[in-house]
């Protein structure tokens, strides 16, 4: 990791108490730097050094976000993420994963399991705090329902105010980022967006791994399409990006 710079402040909590962040990291030096930096930024932190301890601490501490290393003793970070998701029906606490540069396959699998973001080691603590703040702001932003009417396309409905989506009356178990992606696409029907544009406008990132977008589009299709292998709602425009097609989607069986 690079030398720490002054940390950016934590997002302001609506009711005053600081945001709780659970840091799951088996390297004591990394854990000390990360928890110290988060504490100075205004977060309340706890640390777990292995996968089993992480699940116990998550149940007791009830964090607003988990920073999760992939390589852990006991059970690895992917299994921890899987169990956190299972605990709350697929919409559990936001997760920011820490990965090594050579773990691309694990990183993609982590995103498929519902991780909200990842930071690659070695990393800047300041970047990590910025990513955490971005994930928390997006997860906790609930626009007033009066200014965010429900979006509809055939039997698919998304309610930005209540952050709920359903199809044929059945609520969809979307992660925070999947929901944001769906709402953004439904608000711009028929418009093509490249992966770079989606990374900037949905994730708020100026740069990043474009496979993040690819994985989330695939996960979203699995939850809203009749046949994810032949999508009619979120379609691919080869060489250009992705497009939401409400007319075709409404006609789908």
C-alpha atoms as a PDB file:
ATOM      1  CA  UNK A   1       0.000   0.000   0.000  1.00  0.00           C
ATOM      2  CA  UNK A   2       1.060   3.578  -0.547  1.00  0.00           C
ATOM      3  CA  UNK A   3       1.609   6.023   2.321  1.00  0.00           C
ATOM      4  CA  UNK A   4      -1.702   7.243   3.721  1.00  0.00           C
ATOM      5  CA  UNK A   5      -2.874  10.755   2.868  1.00  0.00           C
ATOM      6  CA  UNK A   6      -5.459  12.592   4.973  1.00  0.00           C
ATOM      7  CA  UNK A   7      -8.653  10.546   4.730  1.00  0.00           C
ATOM      8  CA  UNK A   8     -11.791  11.940   3.087  1.00  0.00           C
ATOM      9  CA  UNK A   9     -14.684  12.332   5.537  1.00  0.00           C
ATOM     10  CA  UNK A  10     -17.306   9.622   5.918  1.00  0.00           C
ATOM     11  CA  UNK A  11     -20.792  10.296   4.506  1.00  0.00           C
ATOM     12  CA  UNK A  12     -23.009  12.059   7.023  1.00  0.00           C
ATOM     13  CA  UNK A  13     -25.332   9.658   8.801  1.00  0.00           C
ATOM     14  CA  UNK A  14     -29.015  10.656   8.638  1.00  0.00           C
ATOM     15  CA  UNK A  15     -29.492  10.200  12.385  1.00  0.00           C
ATOM     16  CA  UNK A  16     -26.066  11.128  13.682  1.00  0.00           C
ATOM     17  CA  UNK A  17     -24.187   7.895  14.584  1.00  0.00           C
ATOM     18  CA  UNK A  18     -21.158   7.063  12.437  1.00  0.00           C
ATOM     19  CA  UNK A  19     -21.375   4.421   9.746  1.00  0.00           C
ATOM     20  CA  UNK A  20     -20.186   0.998  10.899  1.00  0.00           C
ATOM     21  CA  UNK A  21     -17.615  -0.793   8.745  1.00  0.00           C
ATOM     22  CA  UNK A  22     -16.414  -4.347   9.356  1.00  0.00           C
ATOM     23  CA  UNK A  23     -12.882  -4.949   8.031  1.00  0.00           C
ATOM     24  CA  UNK A  24     -12.197  -8.618   7.257  1.00  0.00           C
ATOM     25  CA  UNK A  25      -8.458  -9.032   6.690  1.00  0.00           C
ATOM     26  CA  UNK A  26      -6.001 -11.643   7.996  1.00  0.00           C
ATOM     27  CA  UNK A  27      -2.868  -9.514   7.533  1.00  0.00           C
ATOM     28  CA  UNK A  28      -2.567  -7.580  10.824  1.00  0.00           C
ATOM     29  CA  UNK A  29      -0.562  -4.733   9.260  1.00  0.00           C
ATOM     30  CA  UNK A  30      -3.096  -4.165   6.476  1.00  0.00           C
ATOM     31  CA  UNK A  31      -5.960  -4.462   8.940  1.00  0.00           C
ATOM     32  CA  UNK A  32      -4.389  -1.898  11.276  1.00  0.00           C
ATOM     33  CA  UNK A  33      -3.824   0.602   8.463  1.00  0.00           C
ATOM     34  CA  UNK A  34      -7.333   0.192   7.034  1.00  0.00           C
ATOM     35  CA  UNK A  35      -9.195   0.347  10.351  1.00  0.00           C
ATOM     36  CA  UNK A  36      -7.073   3.293  11.502  1.00  0.00           C
ATOM     37  CA  UNK A  37      -7.666   5.195   8.304  1.00  0.00           C
ATOM     38  CA  UNK A  38     -11.426   4.514   8.411  1.00  0.00           C
ATOM     39  CA  UNK A  39     -11.586   5.584  12.049  1.00  0.00           C
ATOM     40  CA  UNK A  40      -9.851   8.868  11.239  1.00  0.00           C
ATOM     41  CA  UNK A  41     -12.351   9.375   8.414  1.00  0.00           C
ATOM     42  CA  UNK A  42     -15.219   9.126  10.912  1.00  0.00           C
ATOM     43  CA  UNK A  43     -16.321   5.492  10.620  1.00  0.00           C
ATOM     44  CA  UNK A  44     -16.913   3.086  13.503  1.00  0.00           C
ATOM     45  CA  UNK A  45     -14.848  -0.010  12.696  1.00  0.00           C
ATOM     46  CA  UNK A  46     -14.391  -3.571  13.835  1.00  0.00           C
ATOM     47  CA  UNK A  47     -11.944  -6.178  12.574  1.00  0.00           C
ATOM     48  CA  UNK A  48     -12.225  -9.907  11.866  1.00  0.00           C
ATOM     49  CA  UNK A  49      -9.160 -11.964  10.911  1.00  0.00           C
ATOM     50  CA  UNK A  50     -10.863 -14.995   9.331  1.00  0.00           C
ATOM     51  CA  UNK A  51     -14.048 -16.000   7.562  1.00  0.00           C
ATOM     52  CA  UNK A  52     -15.837 -17.571  10.515  1.00  0.00           C
ATOM     53  CA  UNK A  53     -15.096 -14.578  12.735  1.00  0.00           C
ATOM     54  CA  UNK A  54     -16.364 -12.303   9.955  1.00  0.00           C
ATOM     55  CA  UNK A  55     -19.782 -13.970   9.923  1.00  0.00           C
ATOM     56  CA  UNK A  56     -20.007 -13.829  13.727  1.00  0.00           C
ATOM     57  CA  UNK A  57     -18.995 -10.160  13.843  1.00  0.00           C
ATOM     58  CA  UNK A  58     -21.366  -9.250  10.985  1.00  0.00           C
ATOM     59  CA  UNK A  59     -24.287 -10.753  12.911  1.00  0.00           C
ATOM     60  CA  UNK A  60     -23.374  -8.920  16.132  1.00  0.00           C
ATOM     61  CA  UNK A  61     -21.963  -5.624  14.802  1.00  0.00           C
ATOM     62  CA  UNK A  62     -24.528  -5.216  11.973  1.00  0.00           C
ATOM     63  CA  UNK A  63     -22.197  -3.146   9.786  1.00  0.00           C
ATOM     64  CA  UNK A  64     -23.383  -0.736   7.128  1.00  0.00           C
ATOM     65  CA  UNK A  65     -20.597  -2.074   4.885  1.00  0.00           C
ATOM     66  CA  UNK A  66     -18.029  -4.899   4.880  1.00  0.00           C
ATOM     67  CA  UNK A  67     -14.481  -4.577   3.529  1.00  0.00           C
ATOM     68  CA  UNK A  68     -13.688  -8.178   2.630  1.00  0.00           C
ATOM     69  CA  UNK A  69     -10.356  -9.729   1.678  1.00  0.00           C
ATOM     70  CA  UNK A  70     -10.691 -12.688  -0.679  1.00  0.00           C
ATOM     71  CA  UNK A  71      -7.820 -14.733   0.769  1.00  0.00           C
ATOM     72  CA  UNK A  72      -8.804 -15.686   4.321  1.00  0.00           C
ATOM     73  CA  UNK A  73      -8.161 -18.608   6.660  1.00  0.00           C
ATOM     74  CA  UNK A  74     -11.132 -20.742   7.652  1.00  0.00           C
ATOM     75  CA  UNK A  75     -13.517 -19.914   4.823  1.00  0.00           C
ATOM     76  CA  UNK A  76     -12.483 -17.603   2.013  1.00  0.00           C
ATOM     77  CA  UNK A  77     -13.939 -14.224   1.146  1.00  0.00           C
ATOM     78  CA  UNK A  78     -16.097 -15.575  -1.670  1.00  0.00           C
ATOM     79  CA  UNK A  79     -17.856 -17.967   0.705  1.00  0.00           C
ATOM     80  CA  UNK A  80     -18.236 -15.198   3.286  1.00  0.00           C
ATOM     81  CA  UNK A  81     -19.857 -12.994   0.628  1.00  0.00           C
ATOM     82  CA  UNK A  82     -22.112 -15.871  -0.449  1.00  0.00           C
ATOM     83  CA  UNK A  83     -23.280 -16.440   3.127  1.00  0.00           C
ATOM     84  CA  UNK A  84     -23.828 -12.730   3.777  1.00  0.00           C
ATOM     85  CA  UNK A  85     -26.015 -12.574   0.687  1.00  0.00           C
ATOM     86  CA  UNK A  86     -27.920 -15.718   1.689  1.00  0.00           C
ATOM     87  CA  UNK A  87     -28.543 -14.330   5.178  1.00  0.00           C
ATOM     88  CA  UNK A  88     -30.691 -11.453   3.890  1.00  0.00           C
ATOM     89  CA  UNK A  89     -32.260 -12.980   0.803  1.00  0.00           C
ATOM     90  CA  UNK A  90     -29.717 -11.624  -1.660  1.00  0.00           C
ATOM     91  CA  UNK A  91     -29.851  -7.961  -0.611  1.00  0.00           C
ATOM     92  CA  UNK A  92     -27.391  -8.012   2.284  1.00  0.00           C
ATOM     93  CA  UNK A  93     -24.957  -5.387   3.524  1.00  0.00           C
ATOM     94  CA  UNK A  94     -22.814  -3.764   0.797  1.00  0.00           C
ATOM     95  CA  UNK A  95     -19.436  -5.436   0.264  1.00  0.00           C
ATOM     96  CA  UNK A  96     -16.175  -3.942  -1.022  1.00  0.00           C
ATOM     97  CA  UNK A  97     -13.710  -6.721  -1.839  1.00  0.00           C
ATOM     98  CA  UNK A  98      -9.930  -6.572  -1.569  1.00  0.00           C
ATOM     99  CA  UNK A  99      -8.248  -8.614  -4.291  1.00  0.00           C
ATOM    100  CA  UNK A 100      -4.723  -9.315  -5.514  1.00  0.00           C
ATOM    101  CA  UNK A 101      -3.807  -8.378  -9.066  1.00  0.00           C
ATOM    102  CA  UNK A 102      -3.734 -12.005 -10.230  1.00  0.00           C
ATOM    103  CA  UNK A 103      -7.210 -12.863  -8.937  1.00  0.00           C
ATOM    104  CA  UNK A 104      -9.309 -11.664 -11.892  1.00  0.00           C
ATOM    105  CA  UNK A 105     -11.454 -14.813 -11.998  1.00  0.00           C
ATOM    106  CA  UNK A 106     -12.158 -14.557  -8.261  1.00  0.00           C
ATOM    107  CA  UNK A 107     -12.912 -10.855  -8.610  1.00  0.00           C
ATOM    108  CA  UNK A 108     -15.492 -11.529 -11.323  1.00  0.00           C
ATOM    109  CA  UNK A 109     -17.007 -14.321  -9.238  1.00  0.00           C
ATOM    110  CA  UNK A 110     -17.186 -11.920  -6.304  1.00  0.00           C
ATOM    111  CA  UNK A 111     -19.129  -9.430  -8.428  1.00  0.00           C
ATOM    112  CA  UNK A 112     -21.424 -12.237  -9.551  1.00  0.00           C
ATOM    113  CA  UNK A 113     -22.092 -13.057  -5.898  1.00  0.00           C
ATOM    114  CA  UNK A 114     -23.178  -9.466  -5.379  1.00  0.00           C
ATOM    115  CA  UNK A 115     -20.088  -7.561  -4.235  1.00  0.00           C
ATOM    116  CA  UNK A 116     -20.659  -3.852  -4.799  1.00  0.00           C
ATOM    117  CA  UNK A 117     -17.076  -2.863  -5.557  1.00  0.00           C
ATOM    118  CA  UNK A 118     -13.500  -4.074  -5.314  1.00  0.00           C
ATOM    119  CA  UNK A 119     -10.075  -2.558  -4.698  1.00  0.00           C
ATOM    120  CA  UNK A 120      -6.919  -4.226  -5.992  1.00  0.00           C
ATOM    121  CA  UNK A 121      -3.866  -4.727  -3.766  1.00  0.00           C
ATOM    122  CA  UNK A 122      -1.593  -2.897  -3.309  1.00  0.00           C
ATOM    123  CA  UNK A 123      -4.022  -0.043  -2.822  1.00  0.00           C
ATOM    124  CA  UNK A 124      -4.180   3.494  -1.515  1.00  0.00           C
ATOM    125  CA  UNK A 125      -6.123   3.735   1.768  1.00  0.00           C
ATOM    126  CA  UNK A 126      -7.526   7.042   0.549  1.00  0.00           C
ATOM    127  CA  UNK A 127      -8.900   5.353  -2.587  1.00  0.00           C
ATOM    128  CA  UNK A 128     -10.459   2.642  -0.435  1.00  0.00           C
ATOM    129  CA  UNK A 129     -12.190   5.233   1.773  1.00  0.00           C
ATOM    130  CA  UNK A 130     -13.467   7.066  -1.317  1.00  0.00           C
ATOM    131  CA  UNK A 131     -14.854   3.813  -2.755  1.00  0.00           C
ATOM    132  CA  UNK A 132     -16.523   2.990   0.569  1.00  0.00           C
ATOM    133  CA  UNK A 133     -18.113   6.438   0.700  1.00  0.00           C
ATOM    134  CA  UNK A 134     -19.377   6.071  -2.874  1.00  0.00           C
ATOM    135  CA  UNK A 135     -20.934   2.653  -2.187  1.00  0.00           C
ATOM    136  CA  UNK A 136     -22.607   3.865   1.017  1.00  0.00           C
ATOM    137  CA  UNK A 137     -24.016   7.009  -0.568  1.00  0.00           C
ATOM    138  CA  UNK A 138     -25.485   5.031  -3.442  1.00  0.00           C
ATOM    139  CA  UNK A 139     -26.852   2.280  -1.184  1.00  0.00           C
ATOM    140  CA  UNK A 140     -28.490   4.789   1.149  1.00  0.00           C
ATOM    141  CA  UNK A 141     -29.746   7.329  -1.365  1.00  0.00           C
ATOM    142  CA  UNK A 142     -33.541   7.122  -1.461  1.00  0.00           C
ATOM    143  CA  UNK A 143     -35.031   9.876  -3.631  1.00  0.00           C
ATOM    144  CA  UNK A 144     -38.422  11.226  -2.497  1.00  0.00           C
ATOM    145  CA  UNK A 145     -41.109   9.030  -4.018  1.00  0.00           C
ATOM    146  CA  UNK A 146     -43.024  12.098  -5.208  1.00  0.00           C
ATOM    147  CA  UNK A 147     -40.110  13.067  -7.429  1.00  0.00           C
ATOM    148  CA  UNK A 148     -39.323   9.512  -8.554  1.00  0.00           C
ATOM    149  CA  UNK A 149     -42.368   7.942 -10.198  1.00  0.00           C
ATOM    150  CA  UNK A 150     -42.382   4.216 -10.753  1.00  0.00           C
ATOM    151  CA  UNK A 151     -40.891   3.045 -14.032  1.00  0.00           C
ATOM    152  CA  UNK A 152     -42.740   0.388 -16.038  1.00  0.00           C
ATOM    153  CA  UNK A 153     -41.973  -1.765 -19.057  1.00  0.00           C
ATOM    154  CA  UNK A 154     -44.502  -4.507 -19.669  1.00  0.00           C
ATOM    155  CA  UNK A 155     -44.734  -6.560 -16.481  1.00  0.00           C
ATOM    156  CA  UNK A 156     -41.486  -5.076 -15.102  1.00  0.00           C
ATOM    157  CA  UNK A 157     -41.765  -2.264 -12.542  1.00  0.00           C
ATOM    158  CA  UNK A 158     -39.047  -0.352 -10.684  1.00  0.00           C
ATOM    159  CA  UNK A 159     -39.825   2.073  -7.857  1.00  0.00           C
ATOM    160  CA  UNK A 160     -36.827   4.404  -7.340  1.00  0.00           C
ATOM    161  CA  UNK A 161     -38.328   5.961  -4.207  1.00  0.00           C
ATOM    162  CA  UNK A 162     -38.849   2.643  -2.446  1.00  0.00           C
ATOM    163  CA  UNK A 163     -35.860   0.983  -4.152  1.00  0.00           C
ATOM    164  CA  UNK A 164     -37.984  -2.018  -5.098  1.00  0.00           C
ATOM    165  CA  UNK A 165     -38.425  -3.801  -8.407  1.00  0.00           C
ATOM    166  CA  UNK A 166     -40.877  -6.512  -9.358  1.00  0.00           C
ATOM    167  CA  UNK A 167     -41.908  -8.538 -12.348  1.00  0.00           C
ATOM    168  CA  UNK A 168     -45.472  -9.835 -12.682  1.00  0.00           C
ATOM    169  CA  UNK A 169     -46.024  -8.802  -9.072  1.00  0.00           C
ATOM    170  CA  UNK A 170     -43.057 -10.809  -7.758  1.00  0.00           C
ATOM    171  CA  UNK A 171     -40.378  -8.737  -6.026  1.00  0.00           C
ATOM    172  CA  UNK A 172     -36.904  -9.131  -7.511  1.00  0.00           C
ATOM    173  CA  UNK A 173     -33.907  -9.725  -5.211  1.00  0.00           C
ATOM    174  CA  UNK A 174     -31.579  -7.109  -6.710  1.00  0.00           C
ATOM    175  CA  UNK A 175     -28.387  -5.865  -5.137  1.00  0.00           C
ATOM    176  CA  UNK A 176     -28.041  -2.109  -4.717  1.00  0.00           C
ATOM    177  CA  UNK A 177     -25.901  -1.789  -7.835  1.00  0.00           C
ATOM    178  CA  UNK A 178     -28.152  -4.022  -9.936  1.00  0.00           C
ATOM    179  CA  UNK A 179     -31.114  -1.867  -8.946  1.00  0.00           C
ATOM    180  CA  UNK A 180     -29.259   1.334  -9.862  1.00  0.00           C
ATOM    181  CA  UNK A 181     -28.332  -0.137 -13.236  1.00  0.00           C
ATOM    182  CA  UNK A 182     -31.918  -1.195 -13.946  1.00  0.00           C
ATOM    183  CA  UNK A 183     -33.342   2.207 -13.010  1.00  0.00           C
ATOM    184  CA  UNK A 184     -30.772   4.047 -15.108  1.00  0.00           C
ATOM    185  CA  UNK A 185     -31.515   1.922 -18.178  1.00  0.00           C
ATOM    186  CA  UNK A 186     -35.293   2.181 -17.719  1.00  0.00           C
ATOM    187  CA  UNK A 187     -34.990   5.964 -17.496  1.00  0.00           C
ATOM    188  CA  UNK A 188     -33.241   6.022 -20.885  1.00  0.00           C
ATOM    189  CA  UNK A 189     -35.227   3.586 -23.071  1.00  0.00           C
ATOM    190  CA  UNK A 190     -33.868   2.946 -26.531  1.00  0.00           C
ATOM    191  CA  UNK A 191     -30.573   4.715 -25.806  1.00  0.00           C
ATOM    192  CA  UNK A 192     -27.276   2.862 -26.201  1.00  0.00           C
ATOM    193  CA  UNK A 193     -24.672   3.204 -23.458  1.00  0.00           C
ATOM    194  CA  UNK A 194     -21.130   1.903 -23.663  1.00  0.00           C
ATOM    195  CA  UNK A 195     -19.616   0.082 -20.714  1.00  0.00           C
ATOM    196  CA  UNK A 196     -17.421   3.131 -20.071  1.00  0.00           C
ATOM    197  CA  UNK A 197     -20.498   5.381 -19.907  1.00  0.00           C
ATOM    198  CA  UNK A 198     -22.316   3.015 -17.560  1.00  0.00           C
ATOM    199  CA  UNK A 199     -19.260   2.747 -15.329  1.00  0.00           C
ATOM    200  CA  UNK A 200     -19.217   6.545 -15.045  1.00  0.00           C
ATOM    201  CA  UNK A 201     -22.958   7.269 -14.812  1.00  0.00           C
ATOM    202  CA  UNK A 202     -24.097   4.325 -12.665  1.00  0.00           C
ATOM    203  CA  UNK A 203     -20.972   3.552 -10.643  1.00  0.00           C
ATOM    204  CA  UNK A 204     -19.642   7.106 -10.544  1.00  0.00           C
ATOM    205  CA  UNK A 205     -16.161   5.904 -11.532  1.00  0.00           C
ATOM    206  CA  UNK A 206     -13.936   7.811 -13.933  1.00  0.00           C
ATOM    207  CA  UNK A 207     -11.991   4.610 -14.588  1.00  0.00           C
ATOM    208  CA  UNK A 208     -12.191   0.946 -13.632  1.00  0.00           C
ATOM    209  CA  UNK A 209     -12.445  -2.634 -14.851  1.00  0.00           C
ATOM    210  CA  UNK A 210     -15.122  -2.784 -17.543  1.00  0.00           C
ATOM    211  CA  UNK A 211     -15.844  -6.416 -16.632  1.00  0.00           C
ATOM    212  CA  UNK A 212     -17.659  -4.949 -13.622  1.00  0.00           C
ATOM    213  CA  UNK A 213     -20.369  -3.678 -15.982  1.00  0.00           C
ATOM    214  CA  UNK A 214     -20.440  -6.915 -17.982  1.00  0.00           C
ATOM    215  CA  UNK A 215     -20.965  -9.008 -14.851  1.00  0.00           C
ATOM    216  CA  UNK A 216     -23.745  -6.776 -13.523  1.00  0.00           C
ATOM    217  CA  UNK A 217     -25.565  -6.753 -16.855  1.00  0.00           C
ATOM    218  CA  UNK A 218     -25.416 -10.544 -16.906  1.00  0.00           C
ATOM    219  CA  UNK A 219     -26.720 -10.776 -13.333  1.00  0.00           C
ATOM    220  CA  UNK A 220     -29.514  -8.306 -14.077  1.00  0.00           C
ATOM    221  CA  UNK A 221     -30.580 -10.287 -17.130  1.00  0.00           C
ATOM    222  CA  UNK A 222     -30.762 -13.453 -15.039  1.00  0.00           C
ATOM    223  CA  UNK A 223     -33.328 -11.730 -12.817  1.00  0.00           C
ATOM    224  CA  UNK A 224     -35.505  -9.831 -15.308  1.00  0.00           C
ATOM    225  CA  UNK A 225     -35.392 -11.774 -18.591  1.00  0.00           C
ATOM    226  CA  UNK A 226     -37.491 -14.810 -19.562  1.00  0.00           C
ATOM    227  CA  UNK A 227     -34.410 -16.228 -21.273  1.00  0.00           C
ATOM    228  CA  UNK A 228     -31.172 -14.540 -20.152  1.00  0.00           C
ATOM    229  CA  UNK A 229     -29.324 -16.177 -23.059  1.00  0.00           C
ATOM    230  CA  UNK A 230     -31.655 -14.382 -25.504  1.00  0.00           C
ATOM    231  CA  UNK A 231     -32.438 -11.089 -23.750  1.00  0.00           C
ATOM    232  CA  UNK A 232     -35.177  -8.797 -25.045  1.00  0.00           C
ATOM    233  CA  UNK A 233     -35.171  -6.127 -22.331  1.00  0.00           C
ATOM    234  CA  UNK A 234     -31.464  -5.367 -21.909  1.00  0.00           C
ATOM    235  CA  UNK A 235     -29.982  -6.008 -25.314  1.00  0.00           C
ATOM    236  CA  UNK A 236     -26.407  -5.841 -26.574  1.00  0.00           C
ATOM    237  CA  UNK A 237     -25.601  -3.493 -29.444  1.00  0.00           C
ATOM    238  CA  UNK A 238     -22.421  -5.075 -30.734  1.00  0.00           C
ATOM    239  CA  UNK A 239     -19.471  -2.726 -30.735  1.00  0.00           C
ATOM    240  CA  UNK A 240     -21.474  -0.003 -28.980  1.00  0.00           C
ATOM    241  CA  UNK A 241     -22.864  -1.140 -25.626  1.00  0.00           C
ATOM    242  CA  UNK A 242     -26.232  -1.961 -24.051  1.00  0.00           C
ATOM    243  CA  UNK A 243     -29.763  -0.702 -24.621  1.00  0.00           C
ATOM    244  CA  UNK A 244     -33.045  -1.047 -22.733  1.00  0.00           C
ATOM    245  CA  UNK A 245     -35.875  -2.008 -25.119  1.00  0.00           C
ATOM    246  CA  UNK A 246     -39.227  -1.550 -23.350  1.00  0.00           C
ATOM    247  CA  UNK A 247     -41.369  -2.171 -26.450  1.00  0.00           C
ATOM    248  CA  UNK A 248     -39.785  -5.534 -27.172  1.00  0.00           C
ATOM    249  CA  UNK A 249     -39.824  -6.353 -23.466  1.00  0.00           C
ATOM    250  CA  UNK A 250     -43.533  -5.572 -23.202  1.00  0.00           C
ATOM    251  CA  UNK A 251     -44.277  -7.973 -26.029  1.00  0.00           C
ATOM    252  CA  UNK A 252     -42.252 -10.781 -24.497  1.00  0.00           C
ATOM    253  CA  UNK A 253     -44.271 -13.769 -23.212  1.00  0.00           C
END
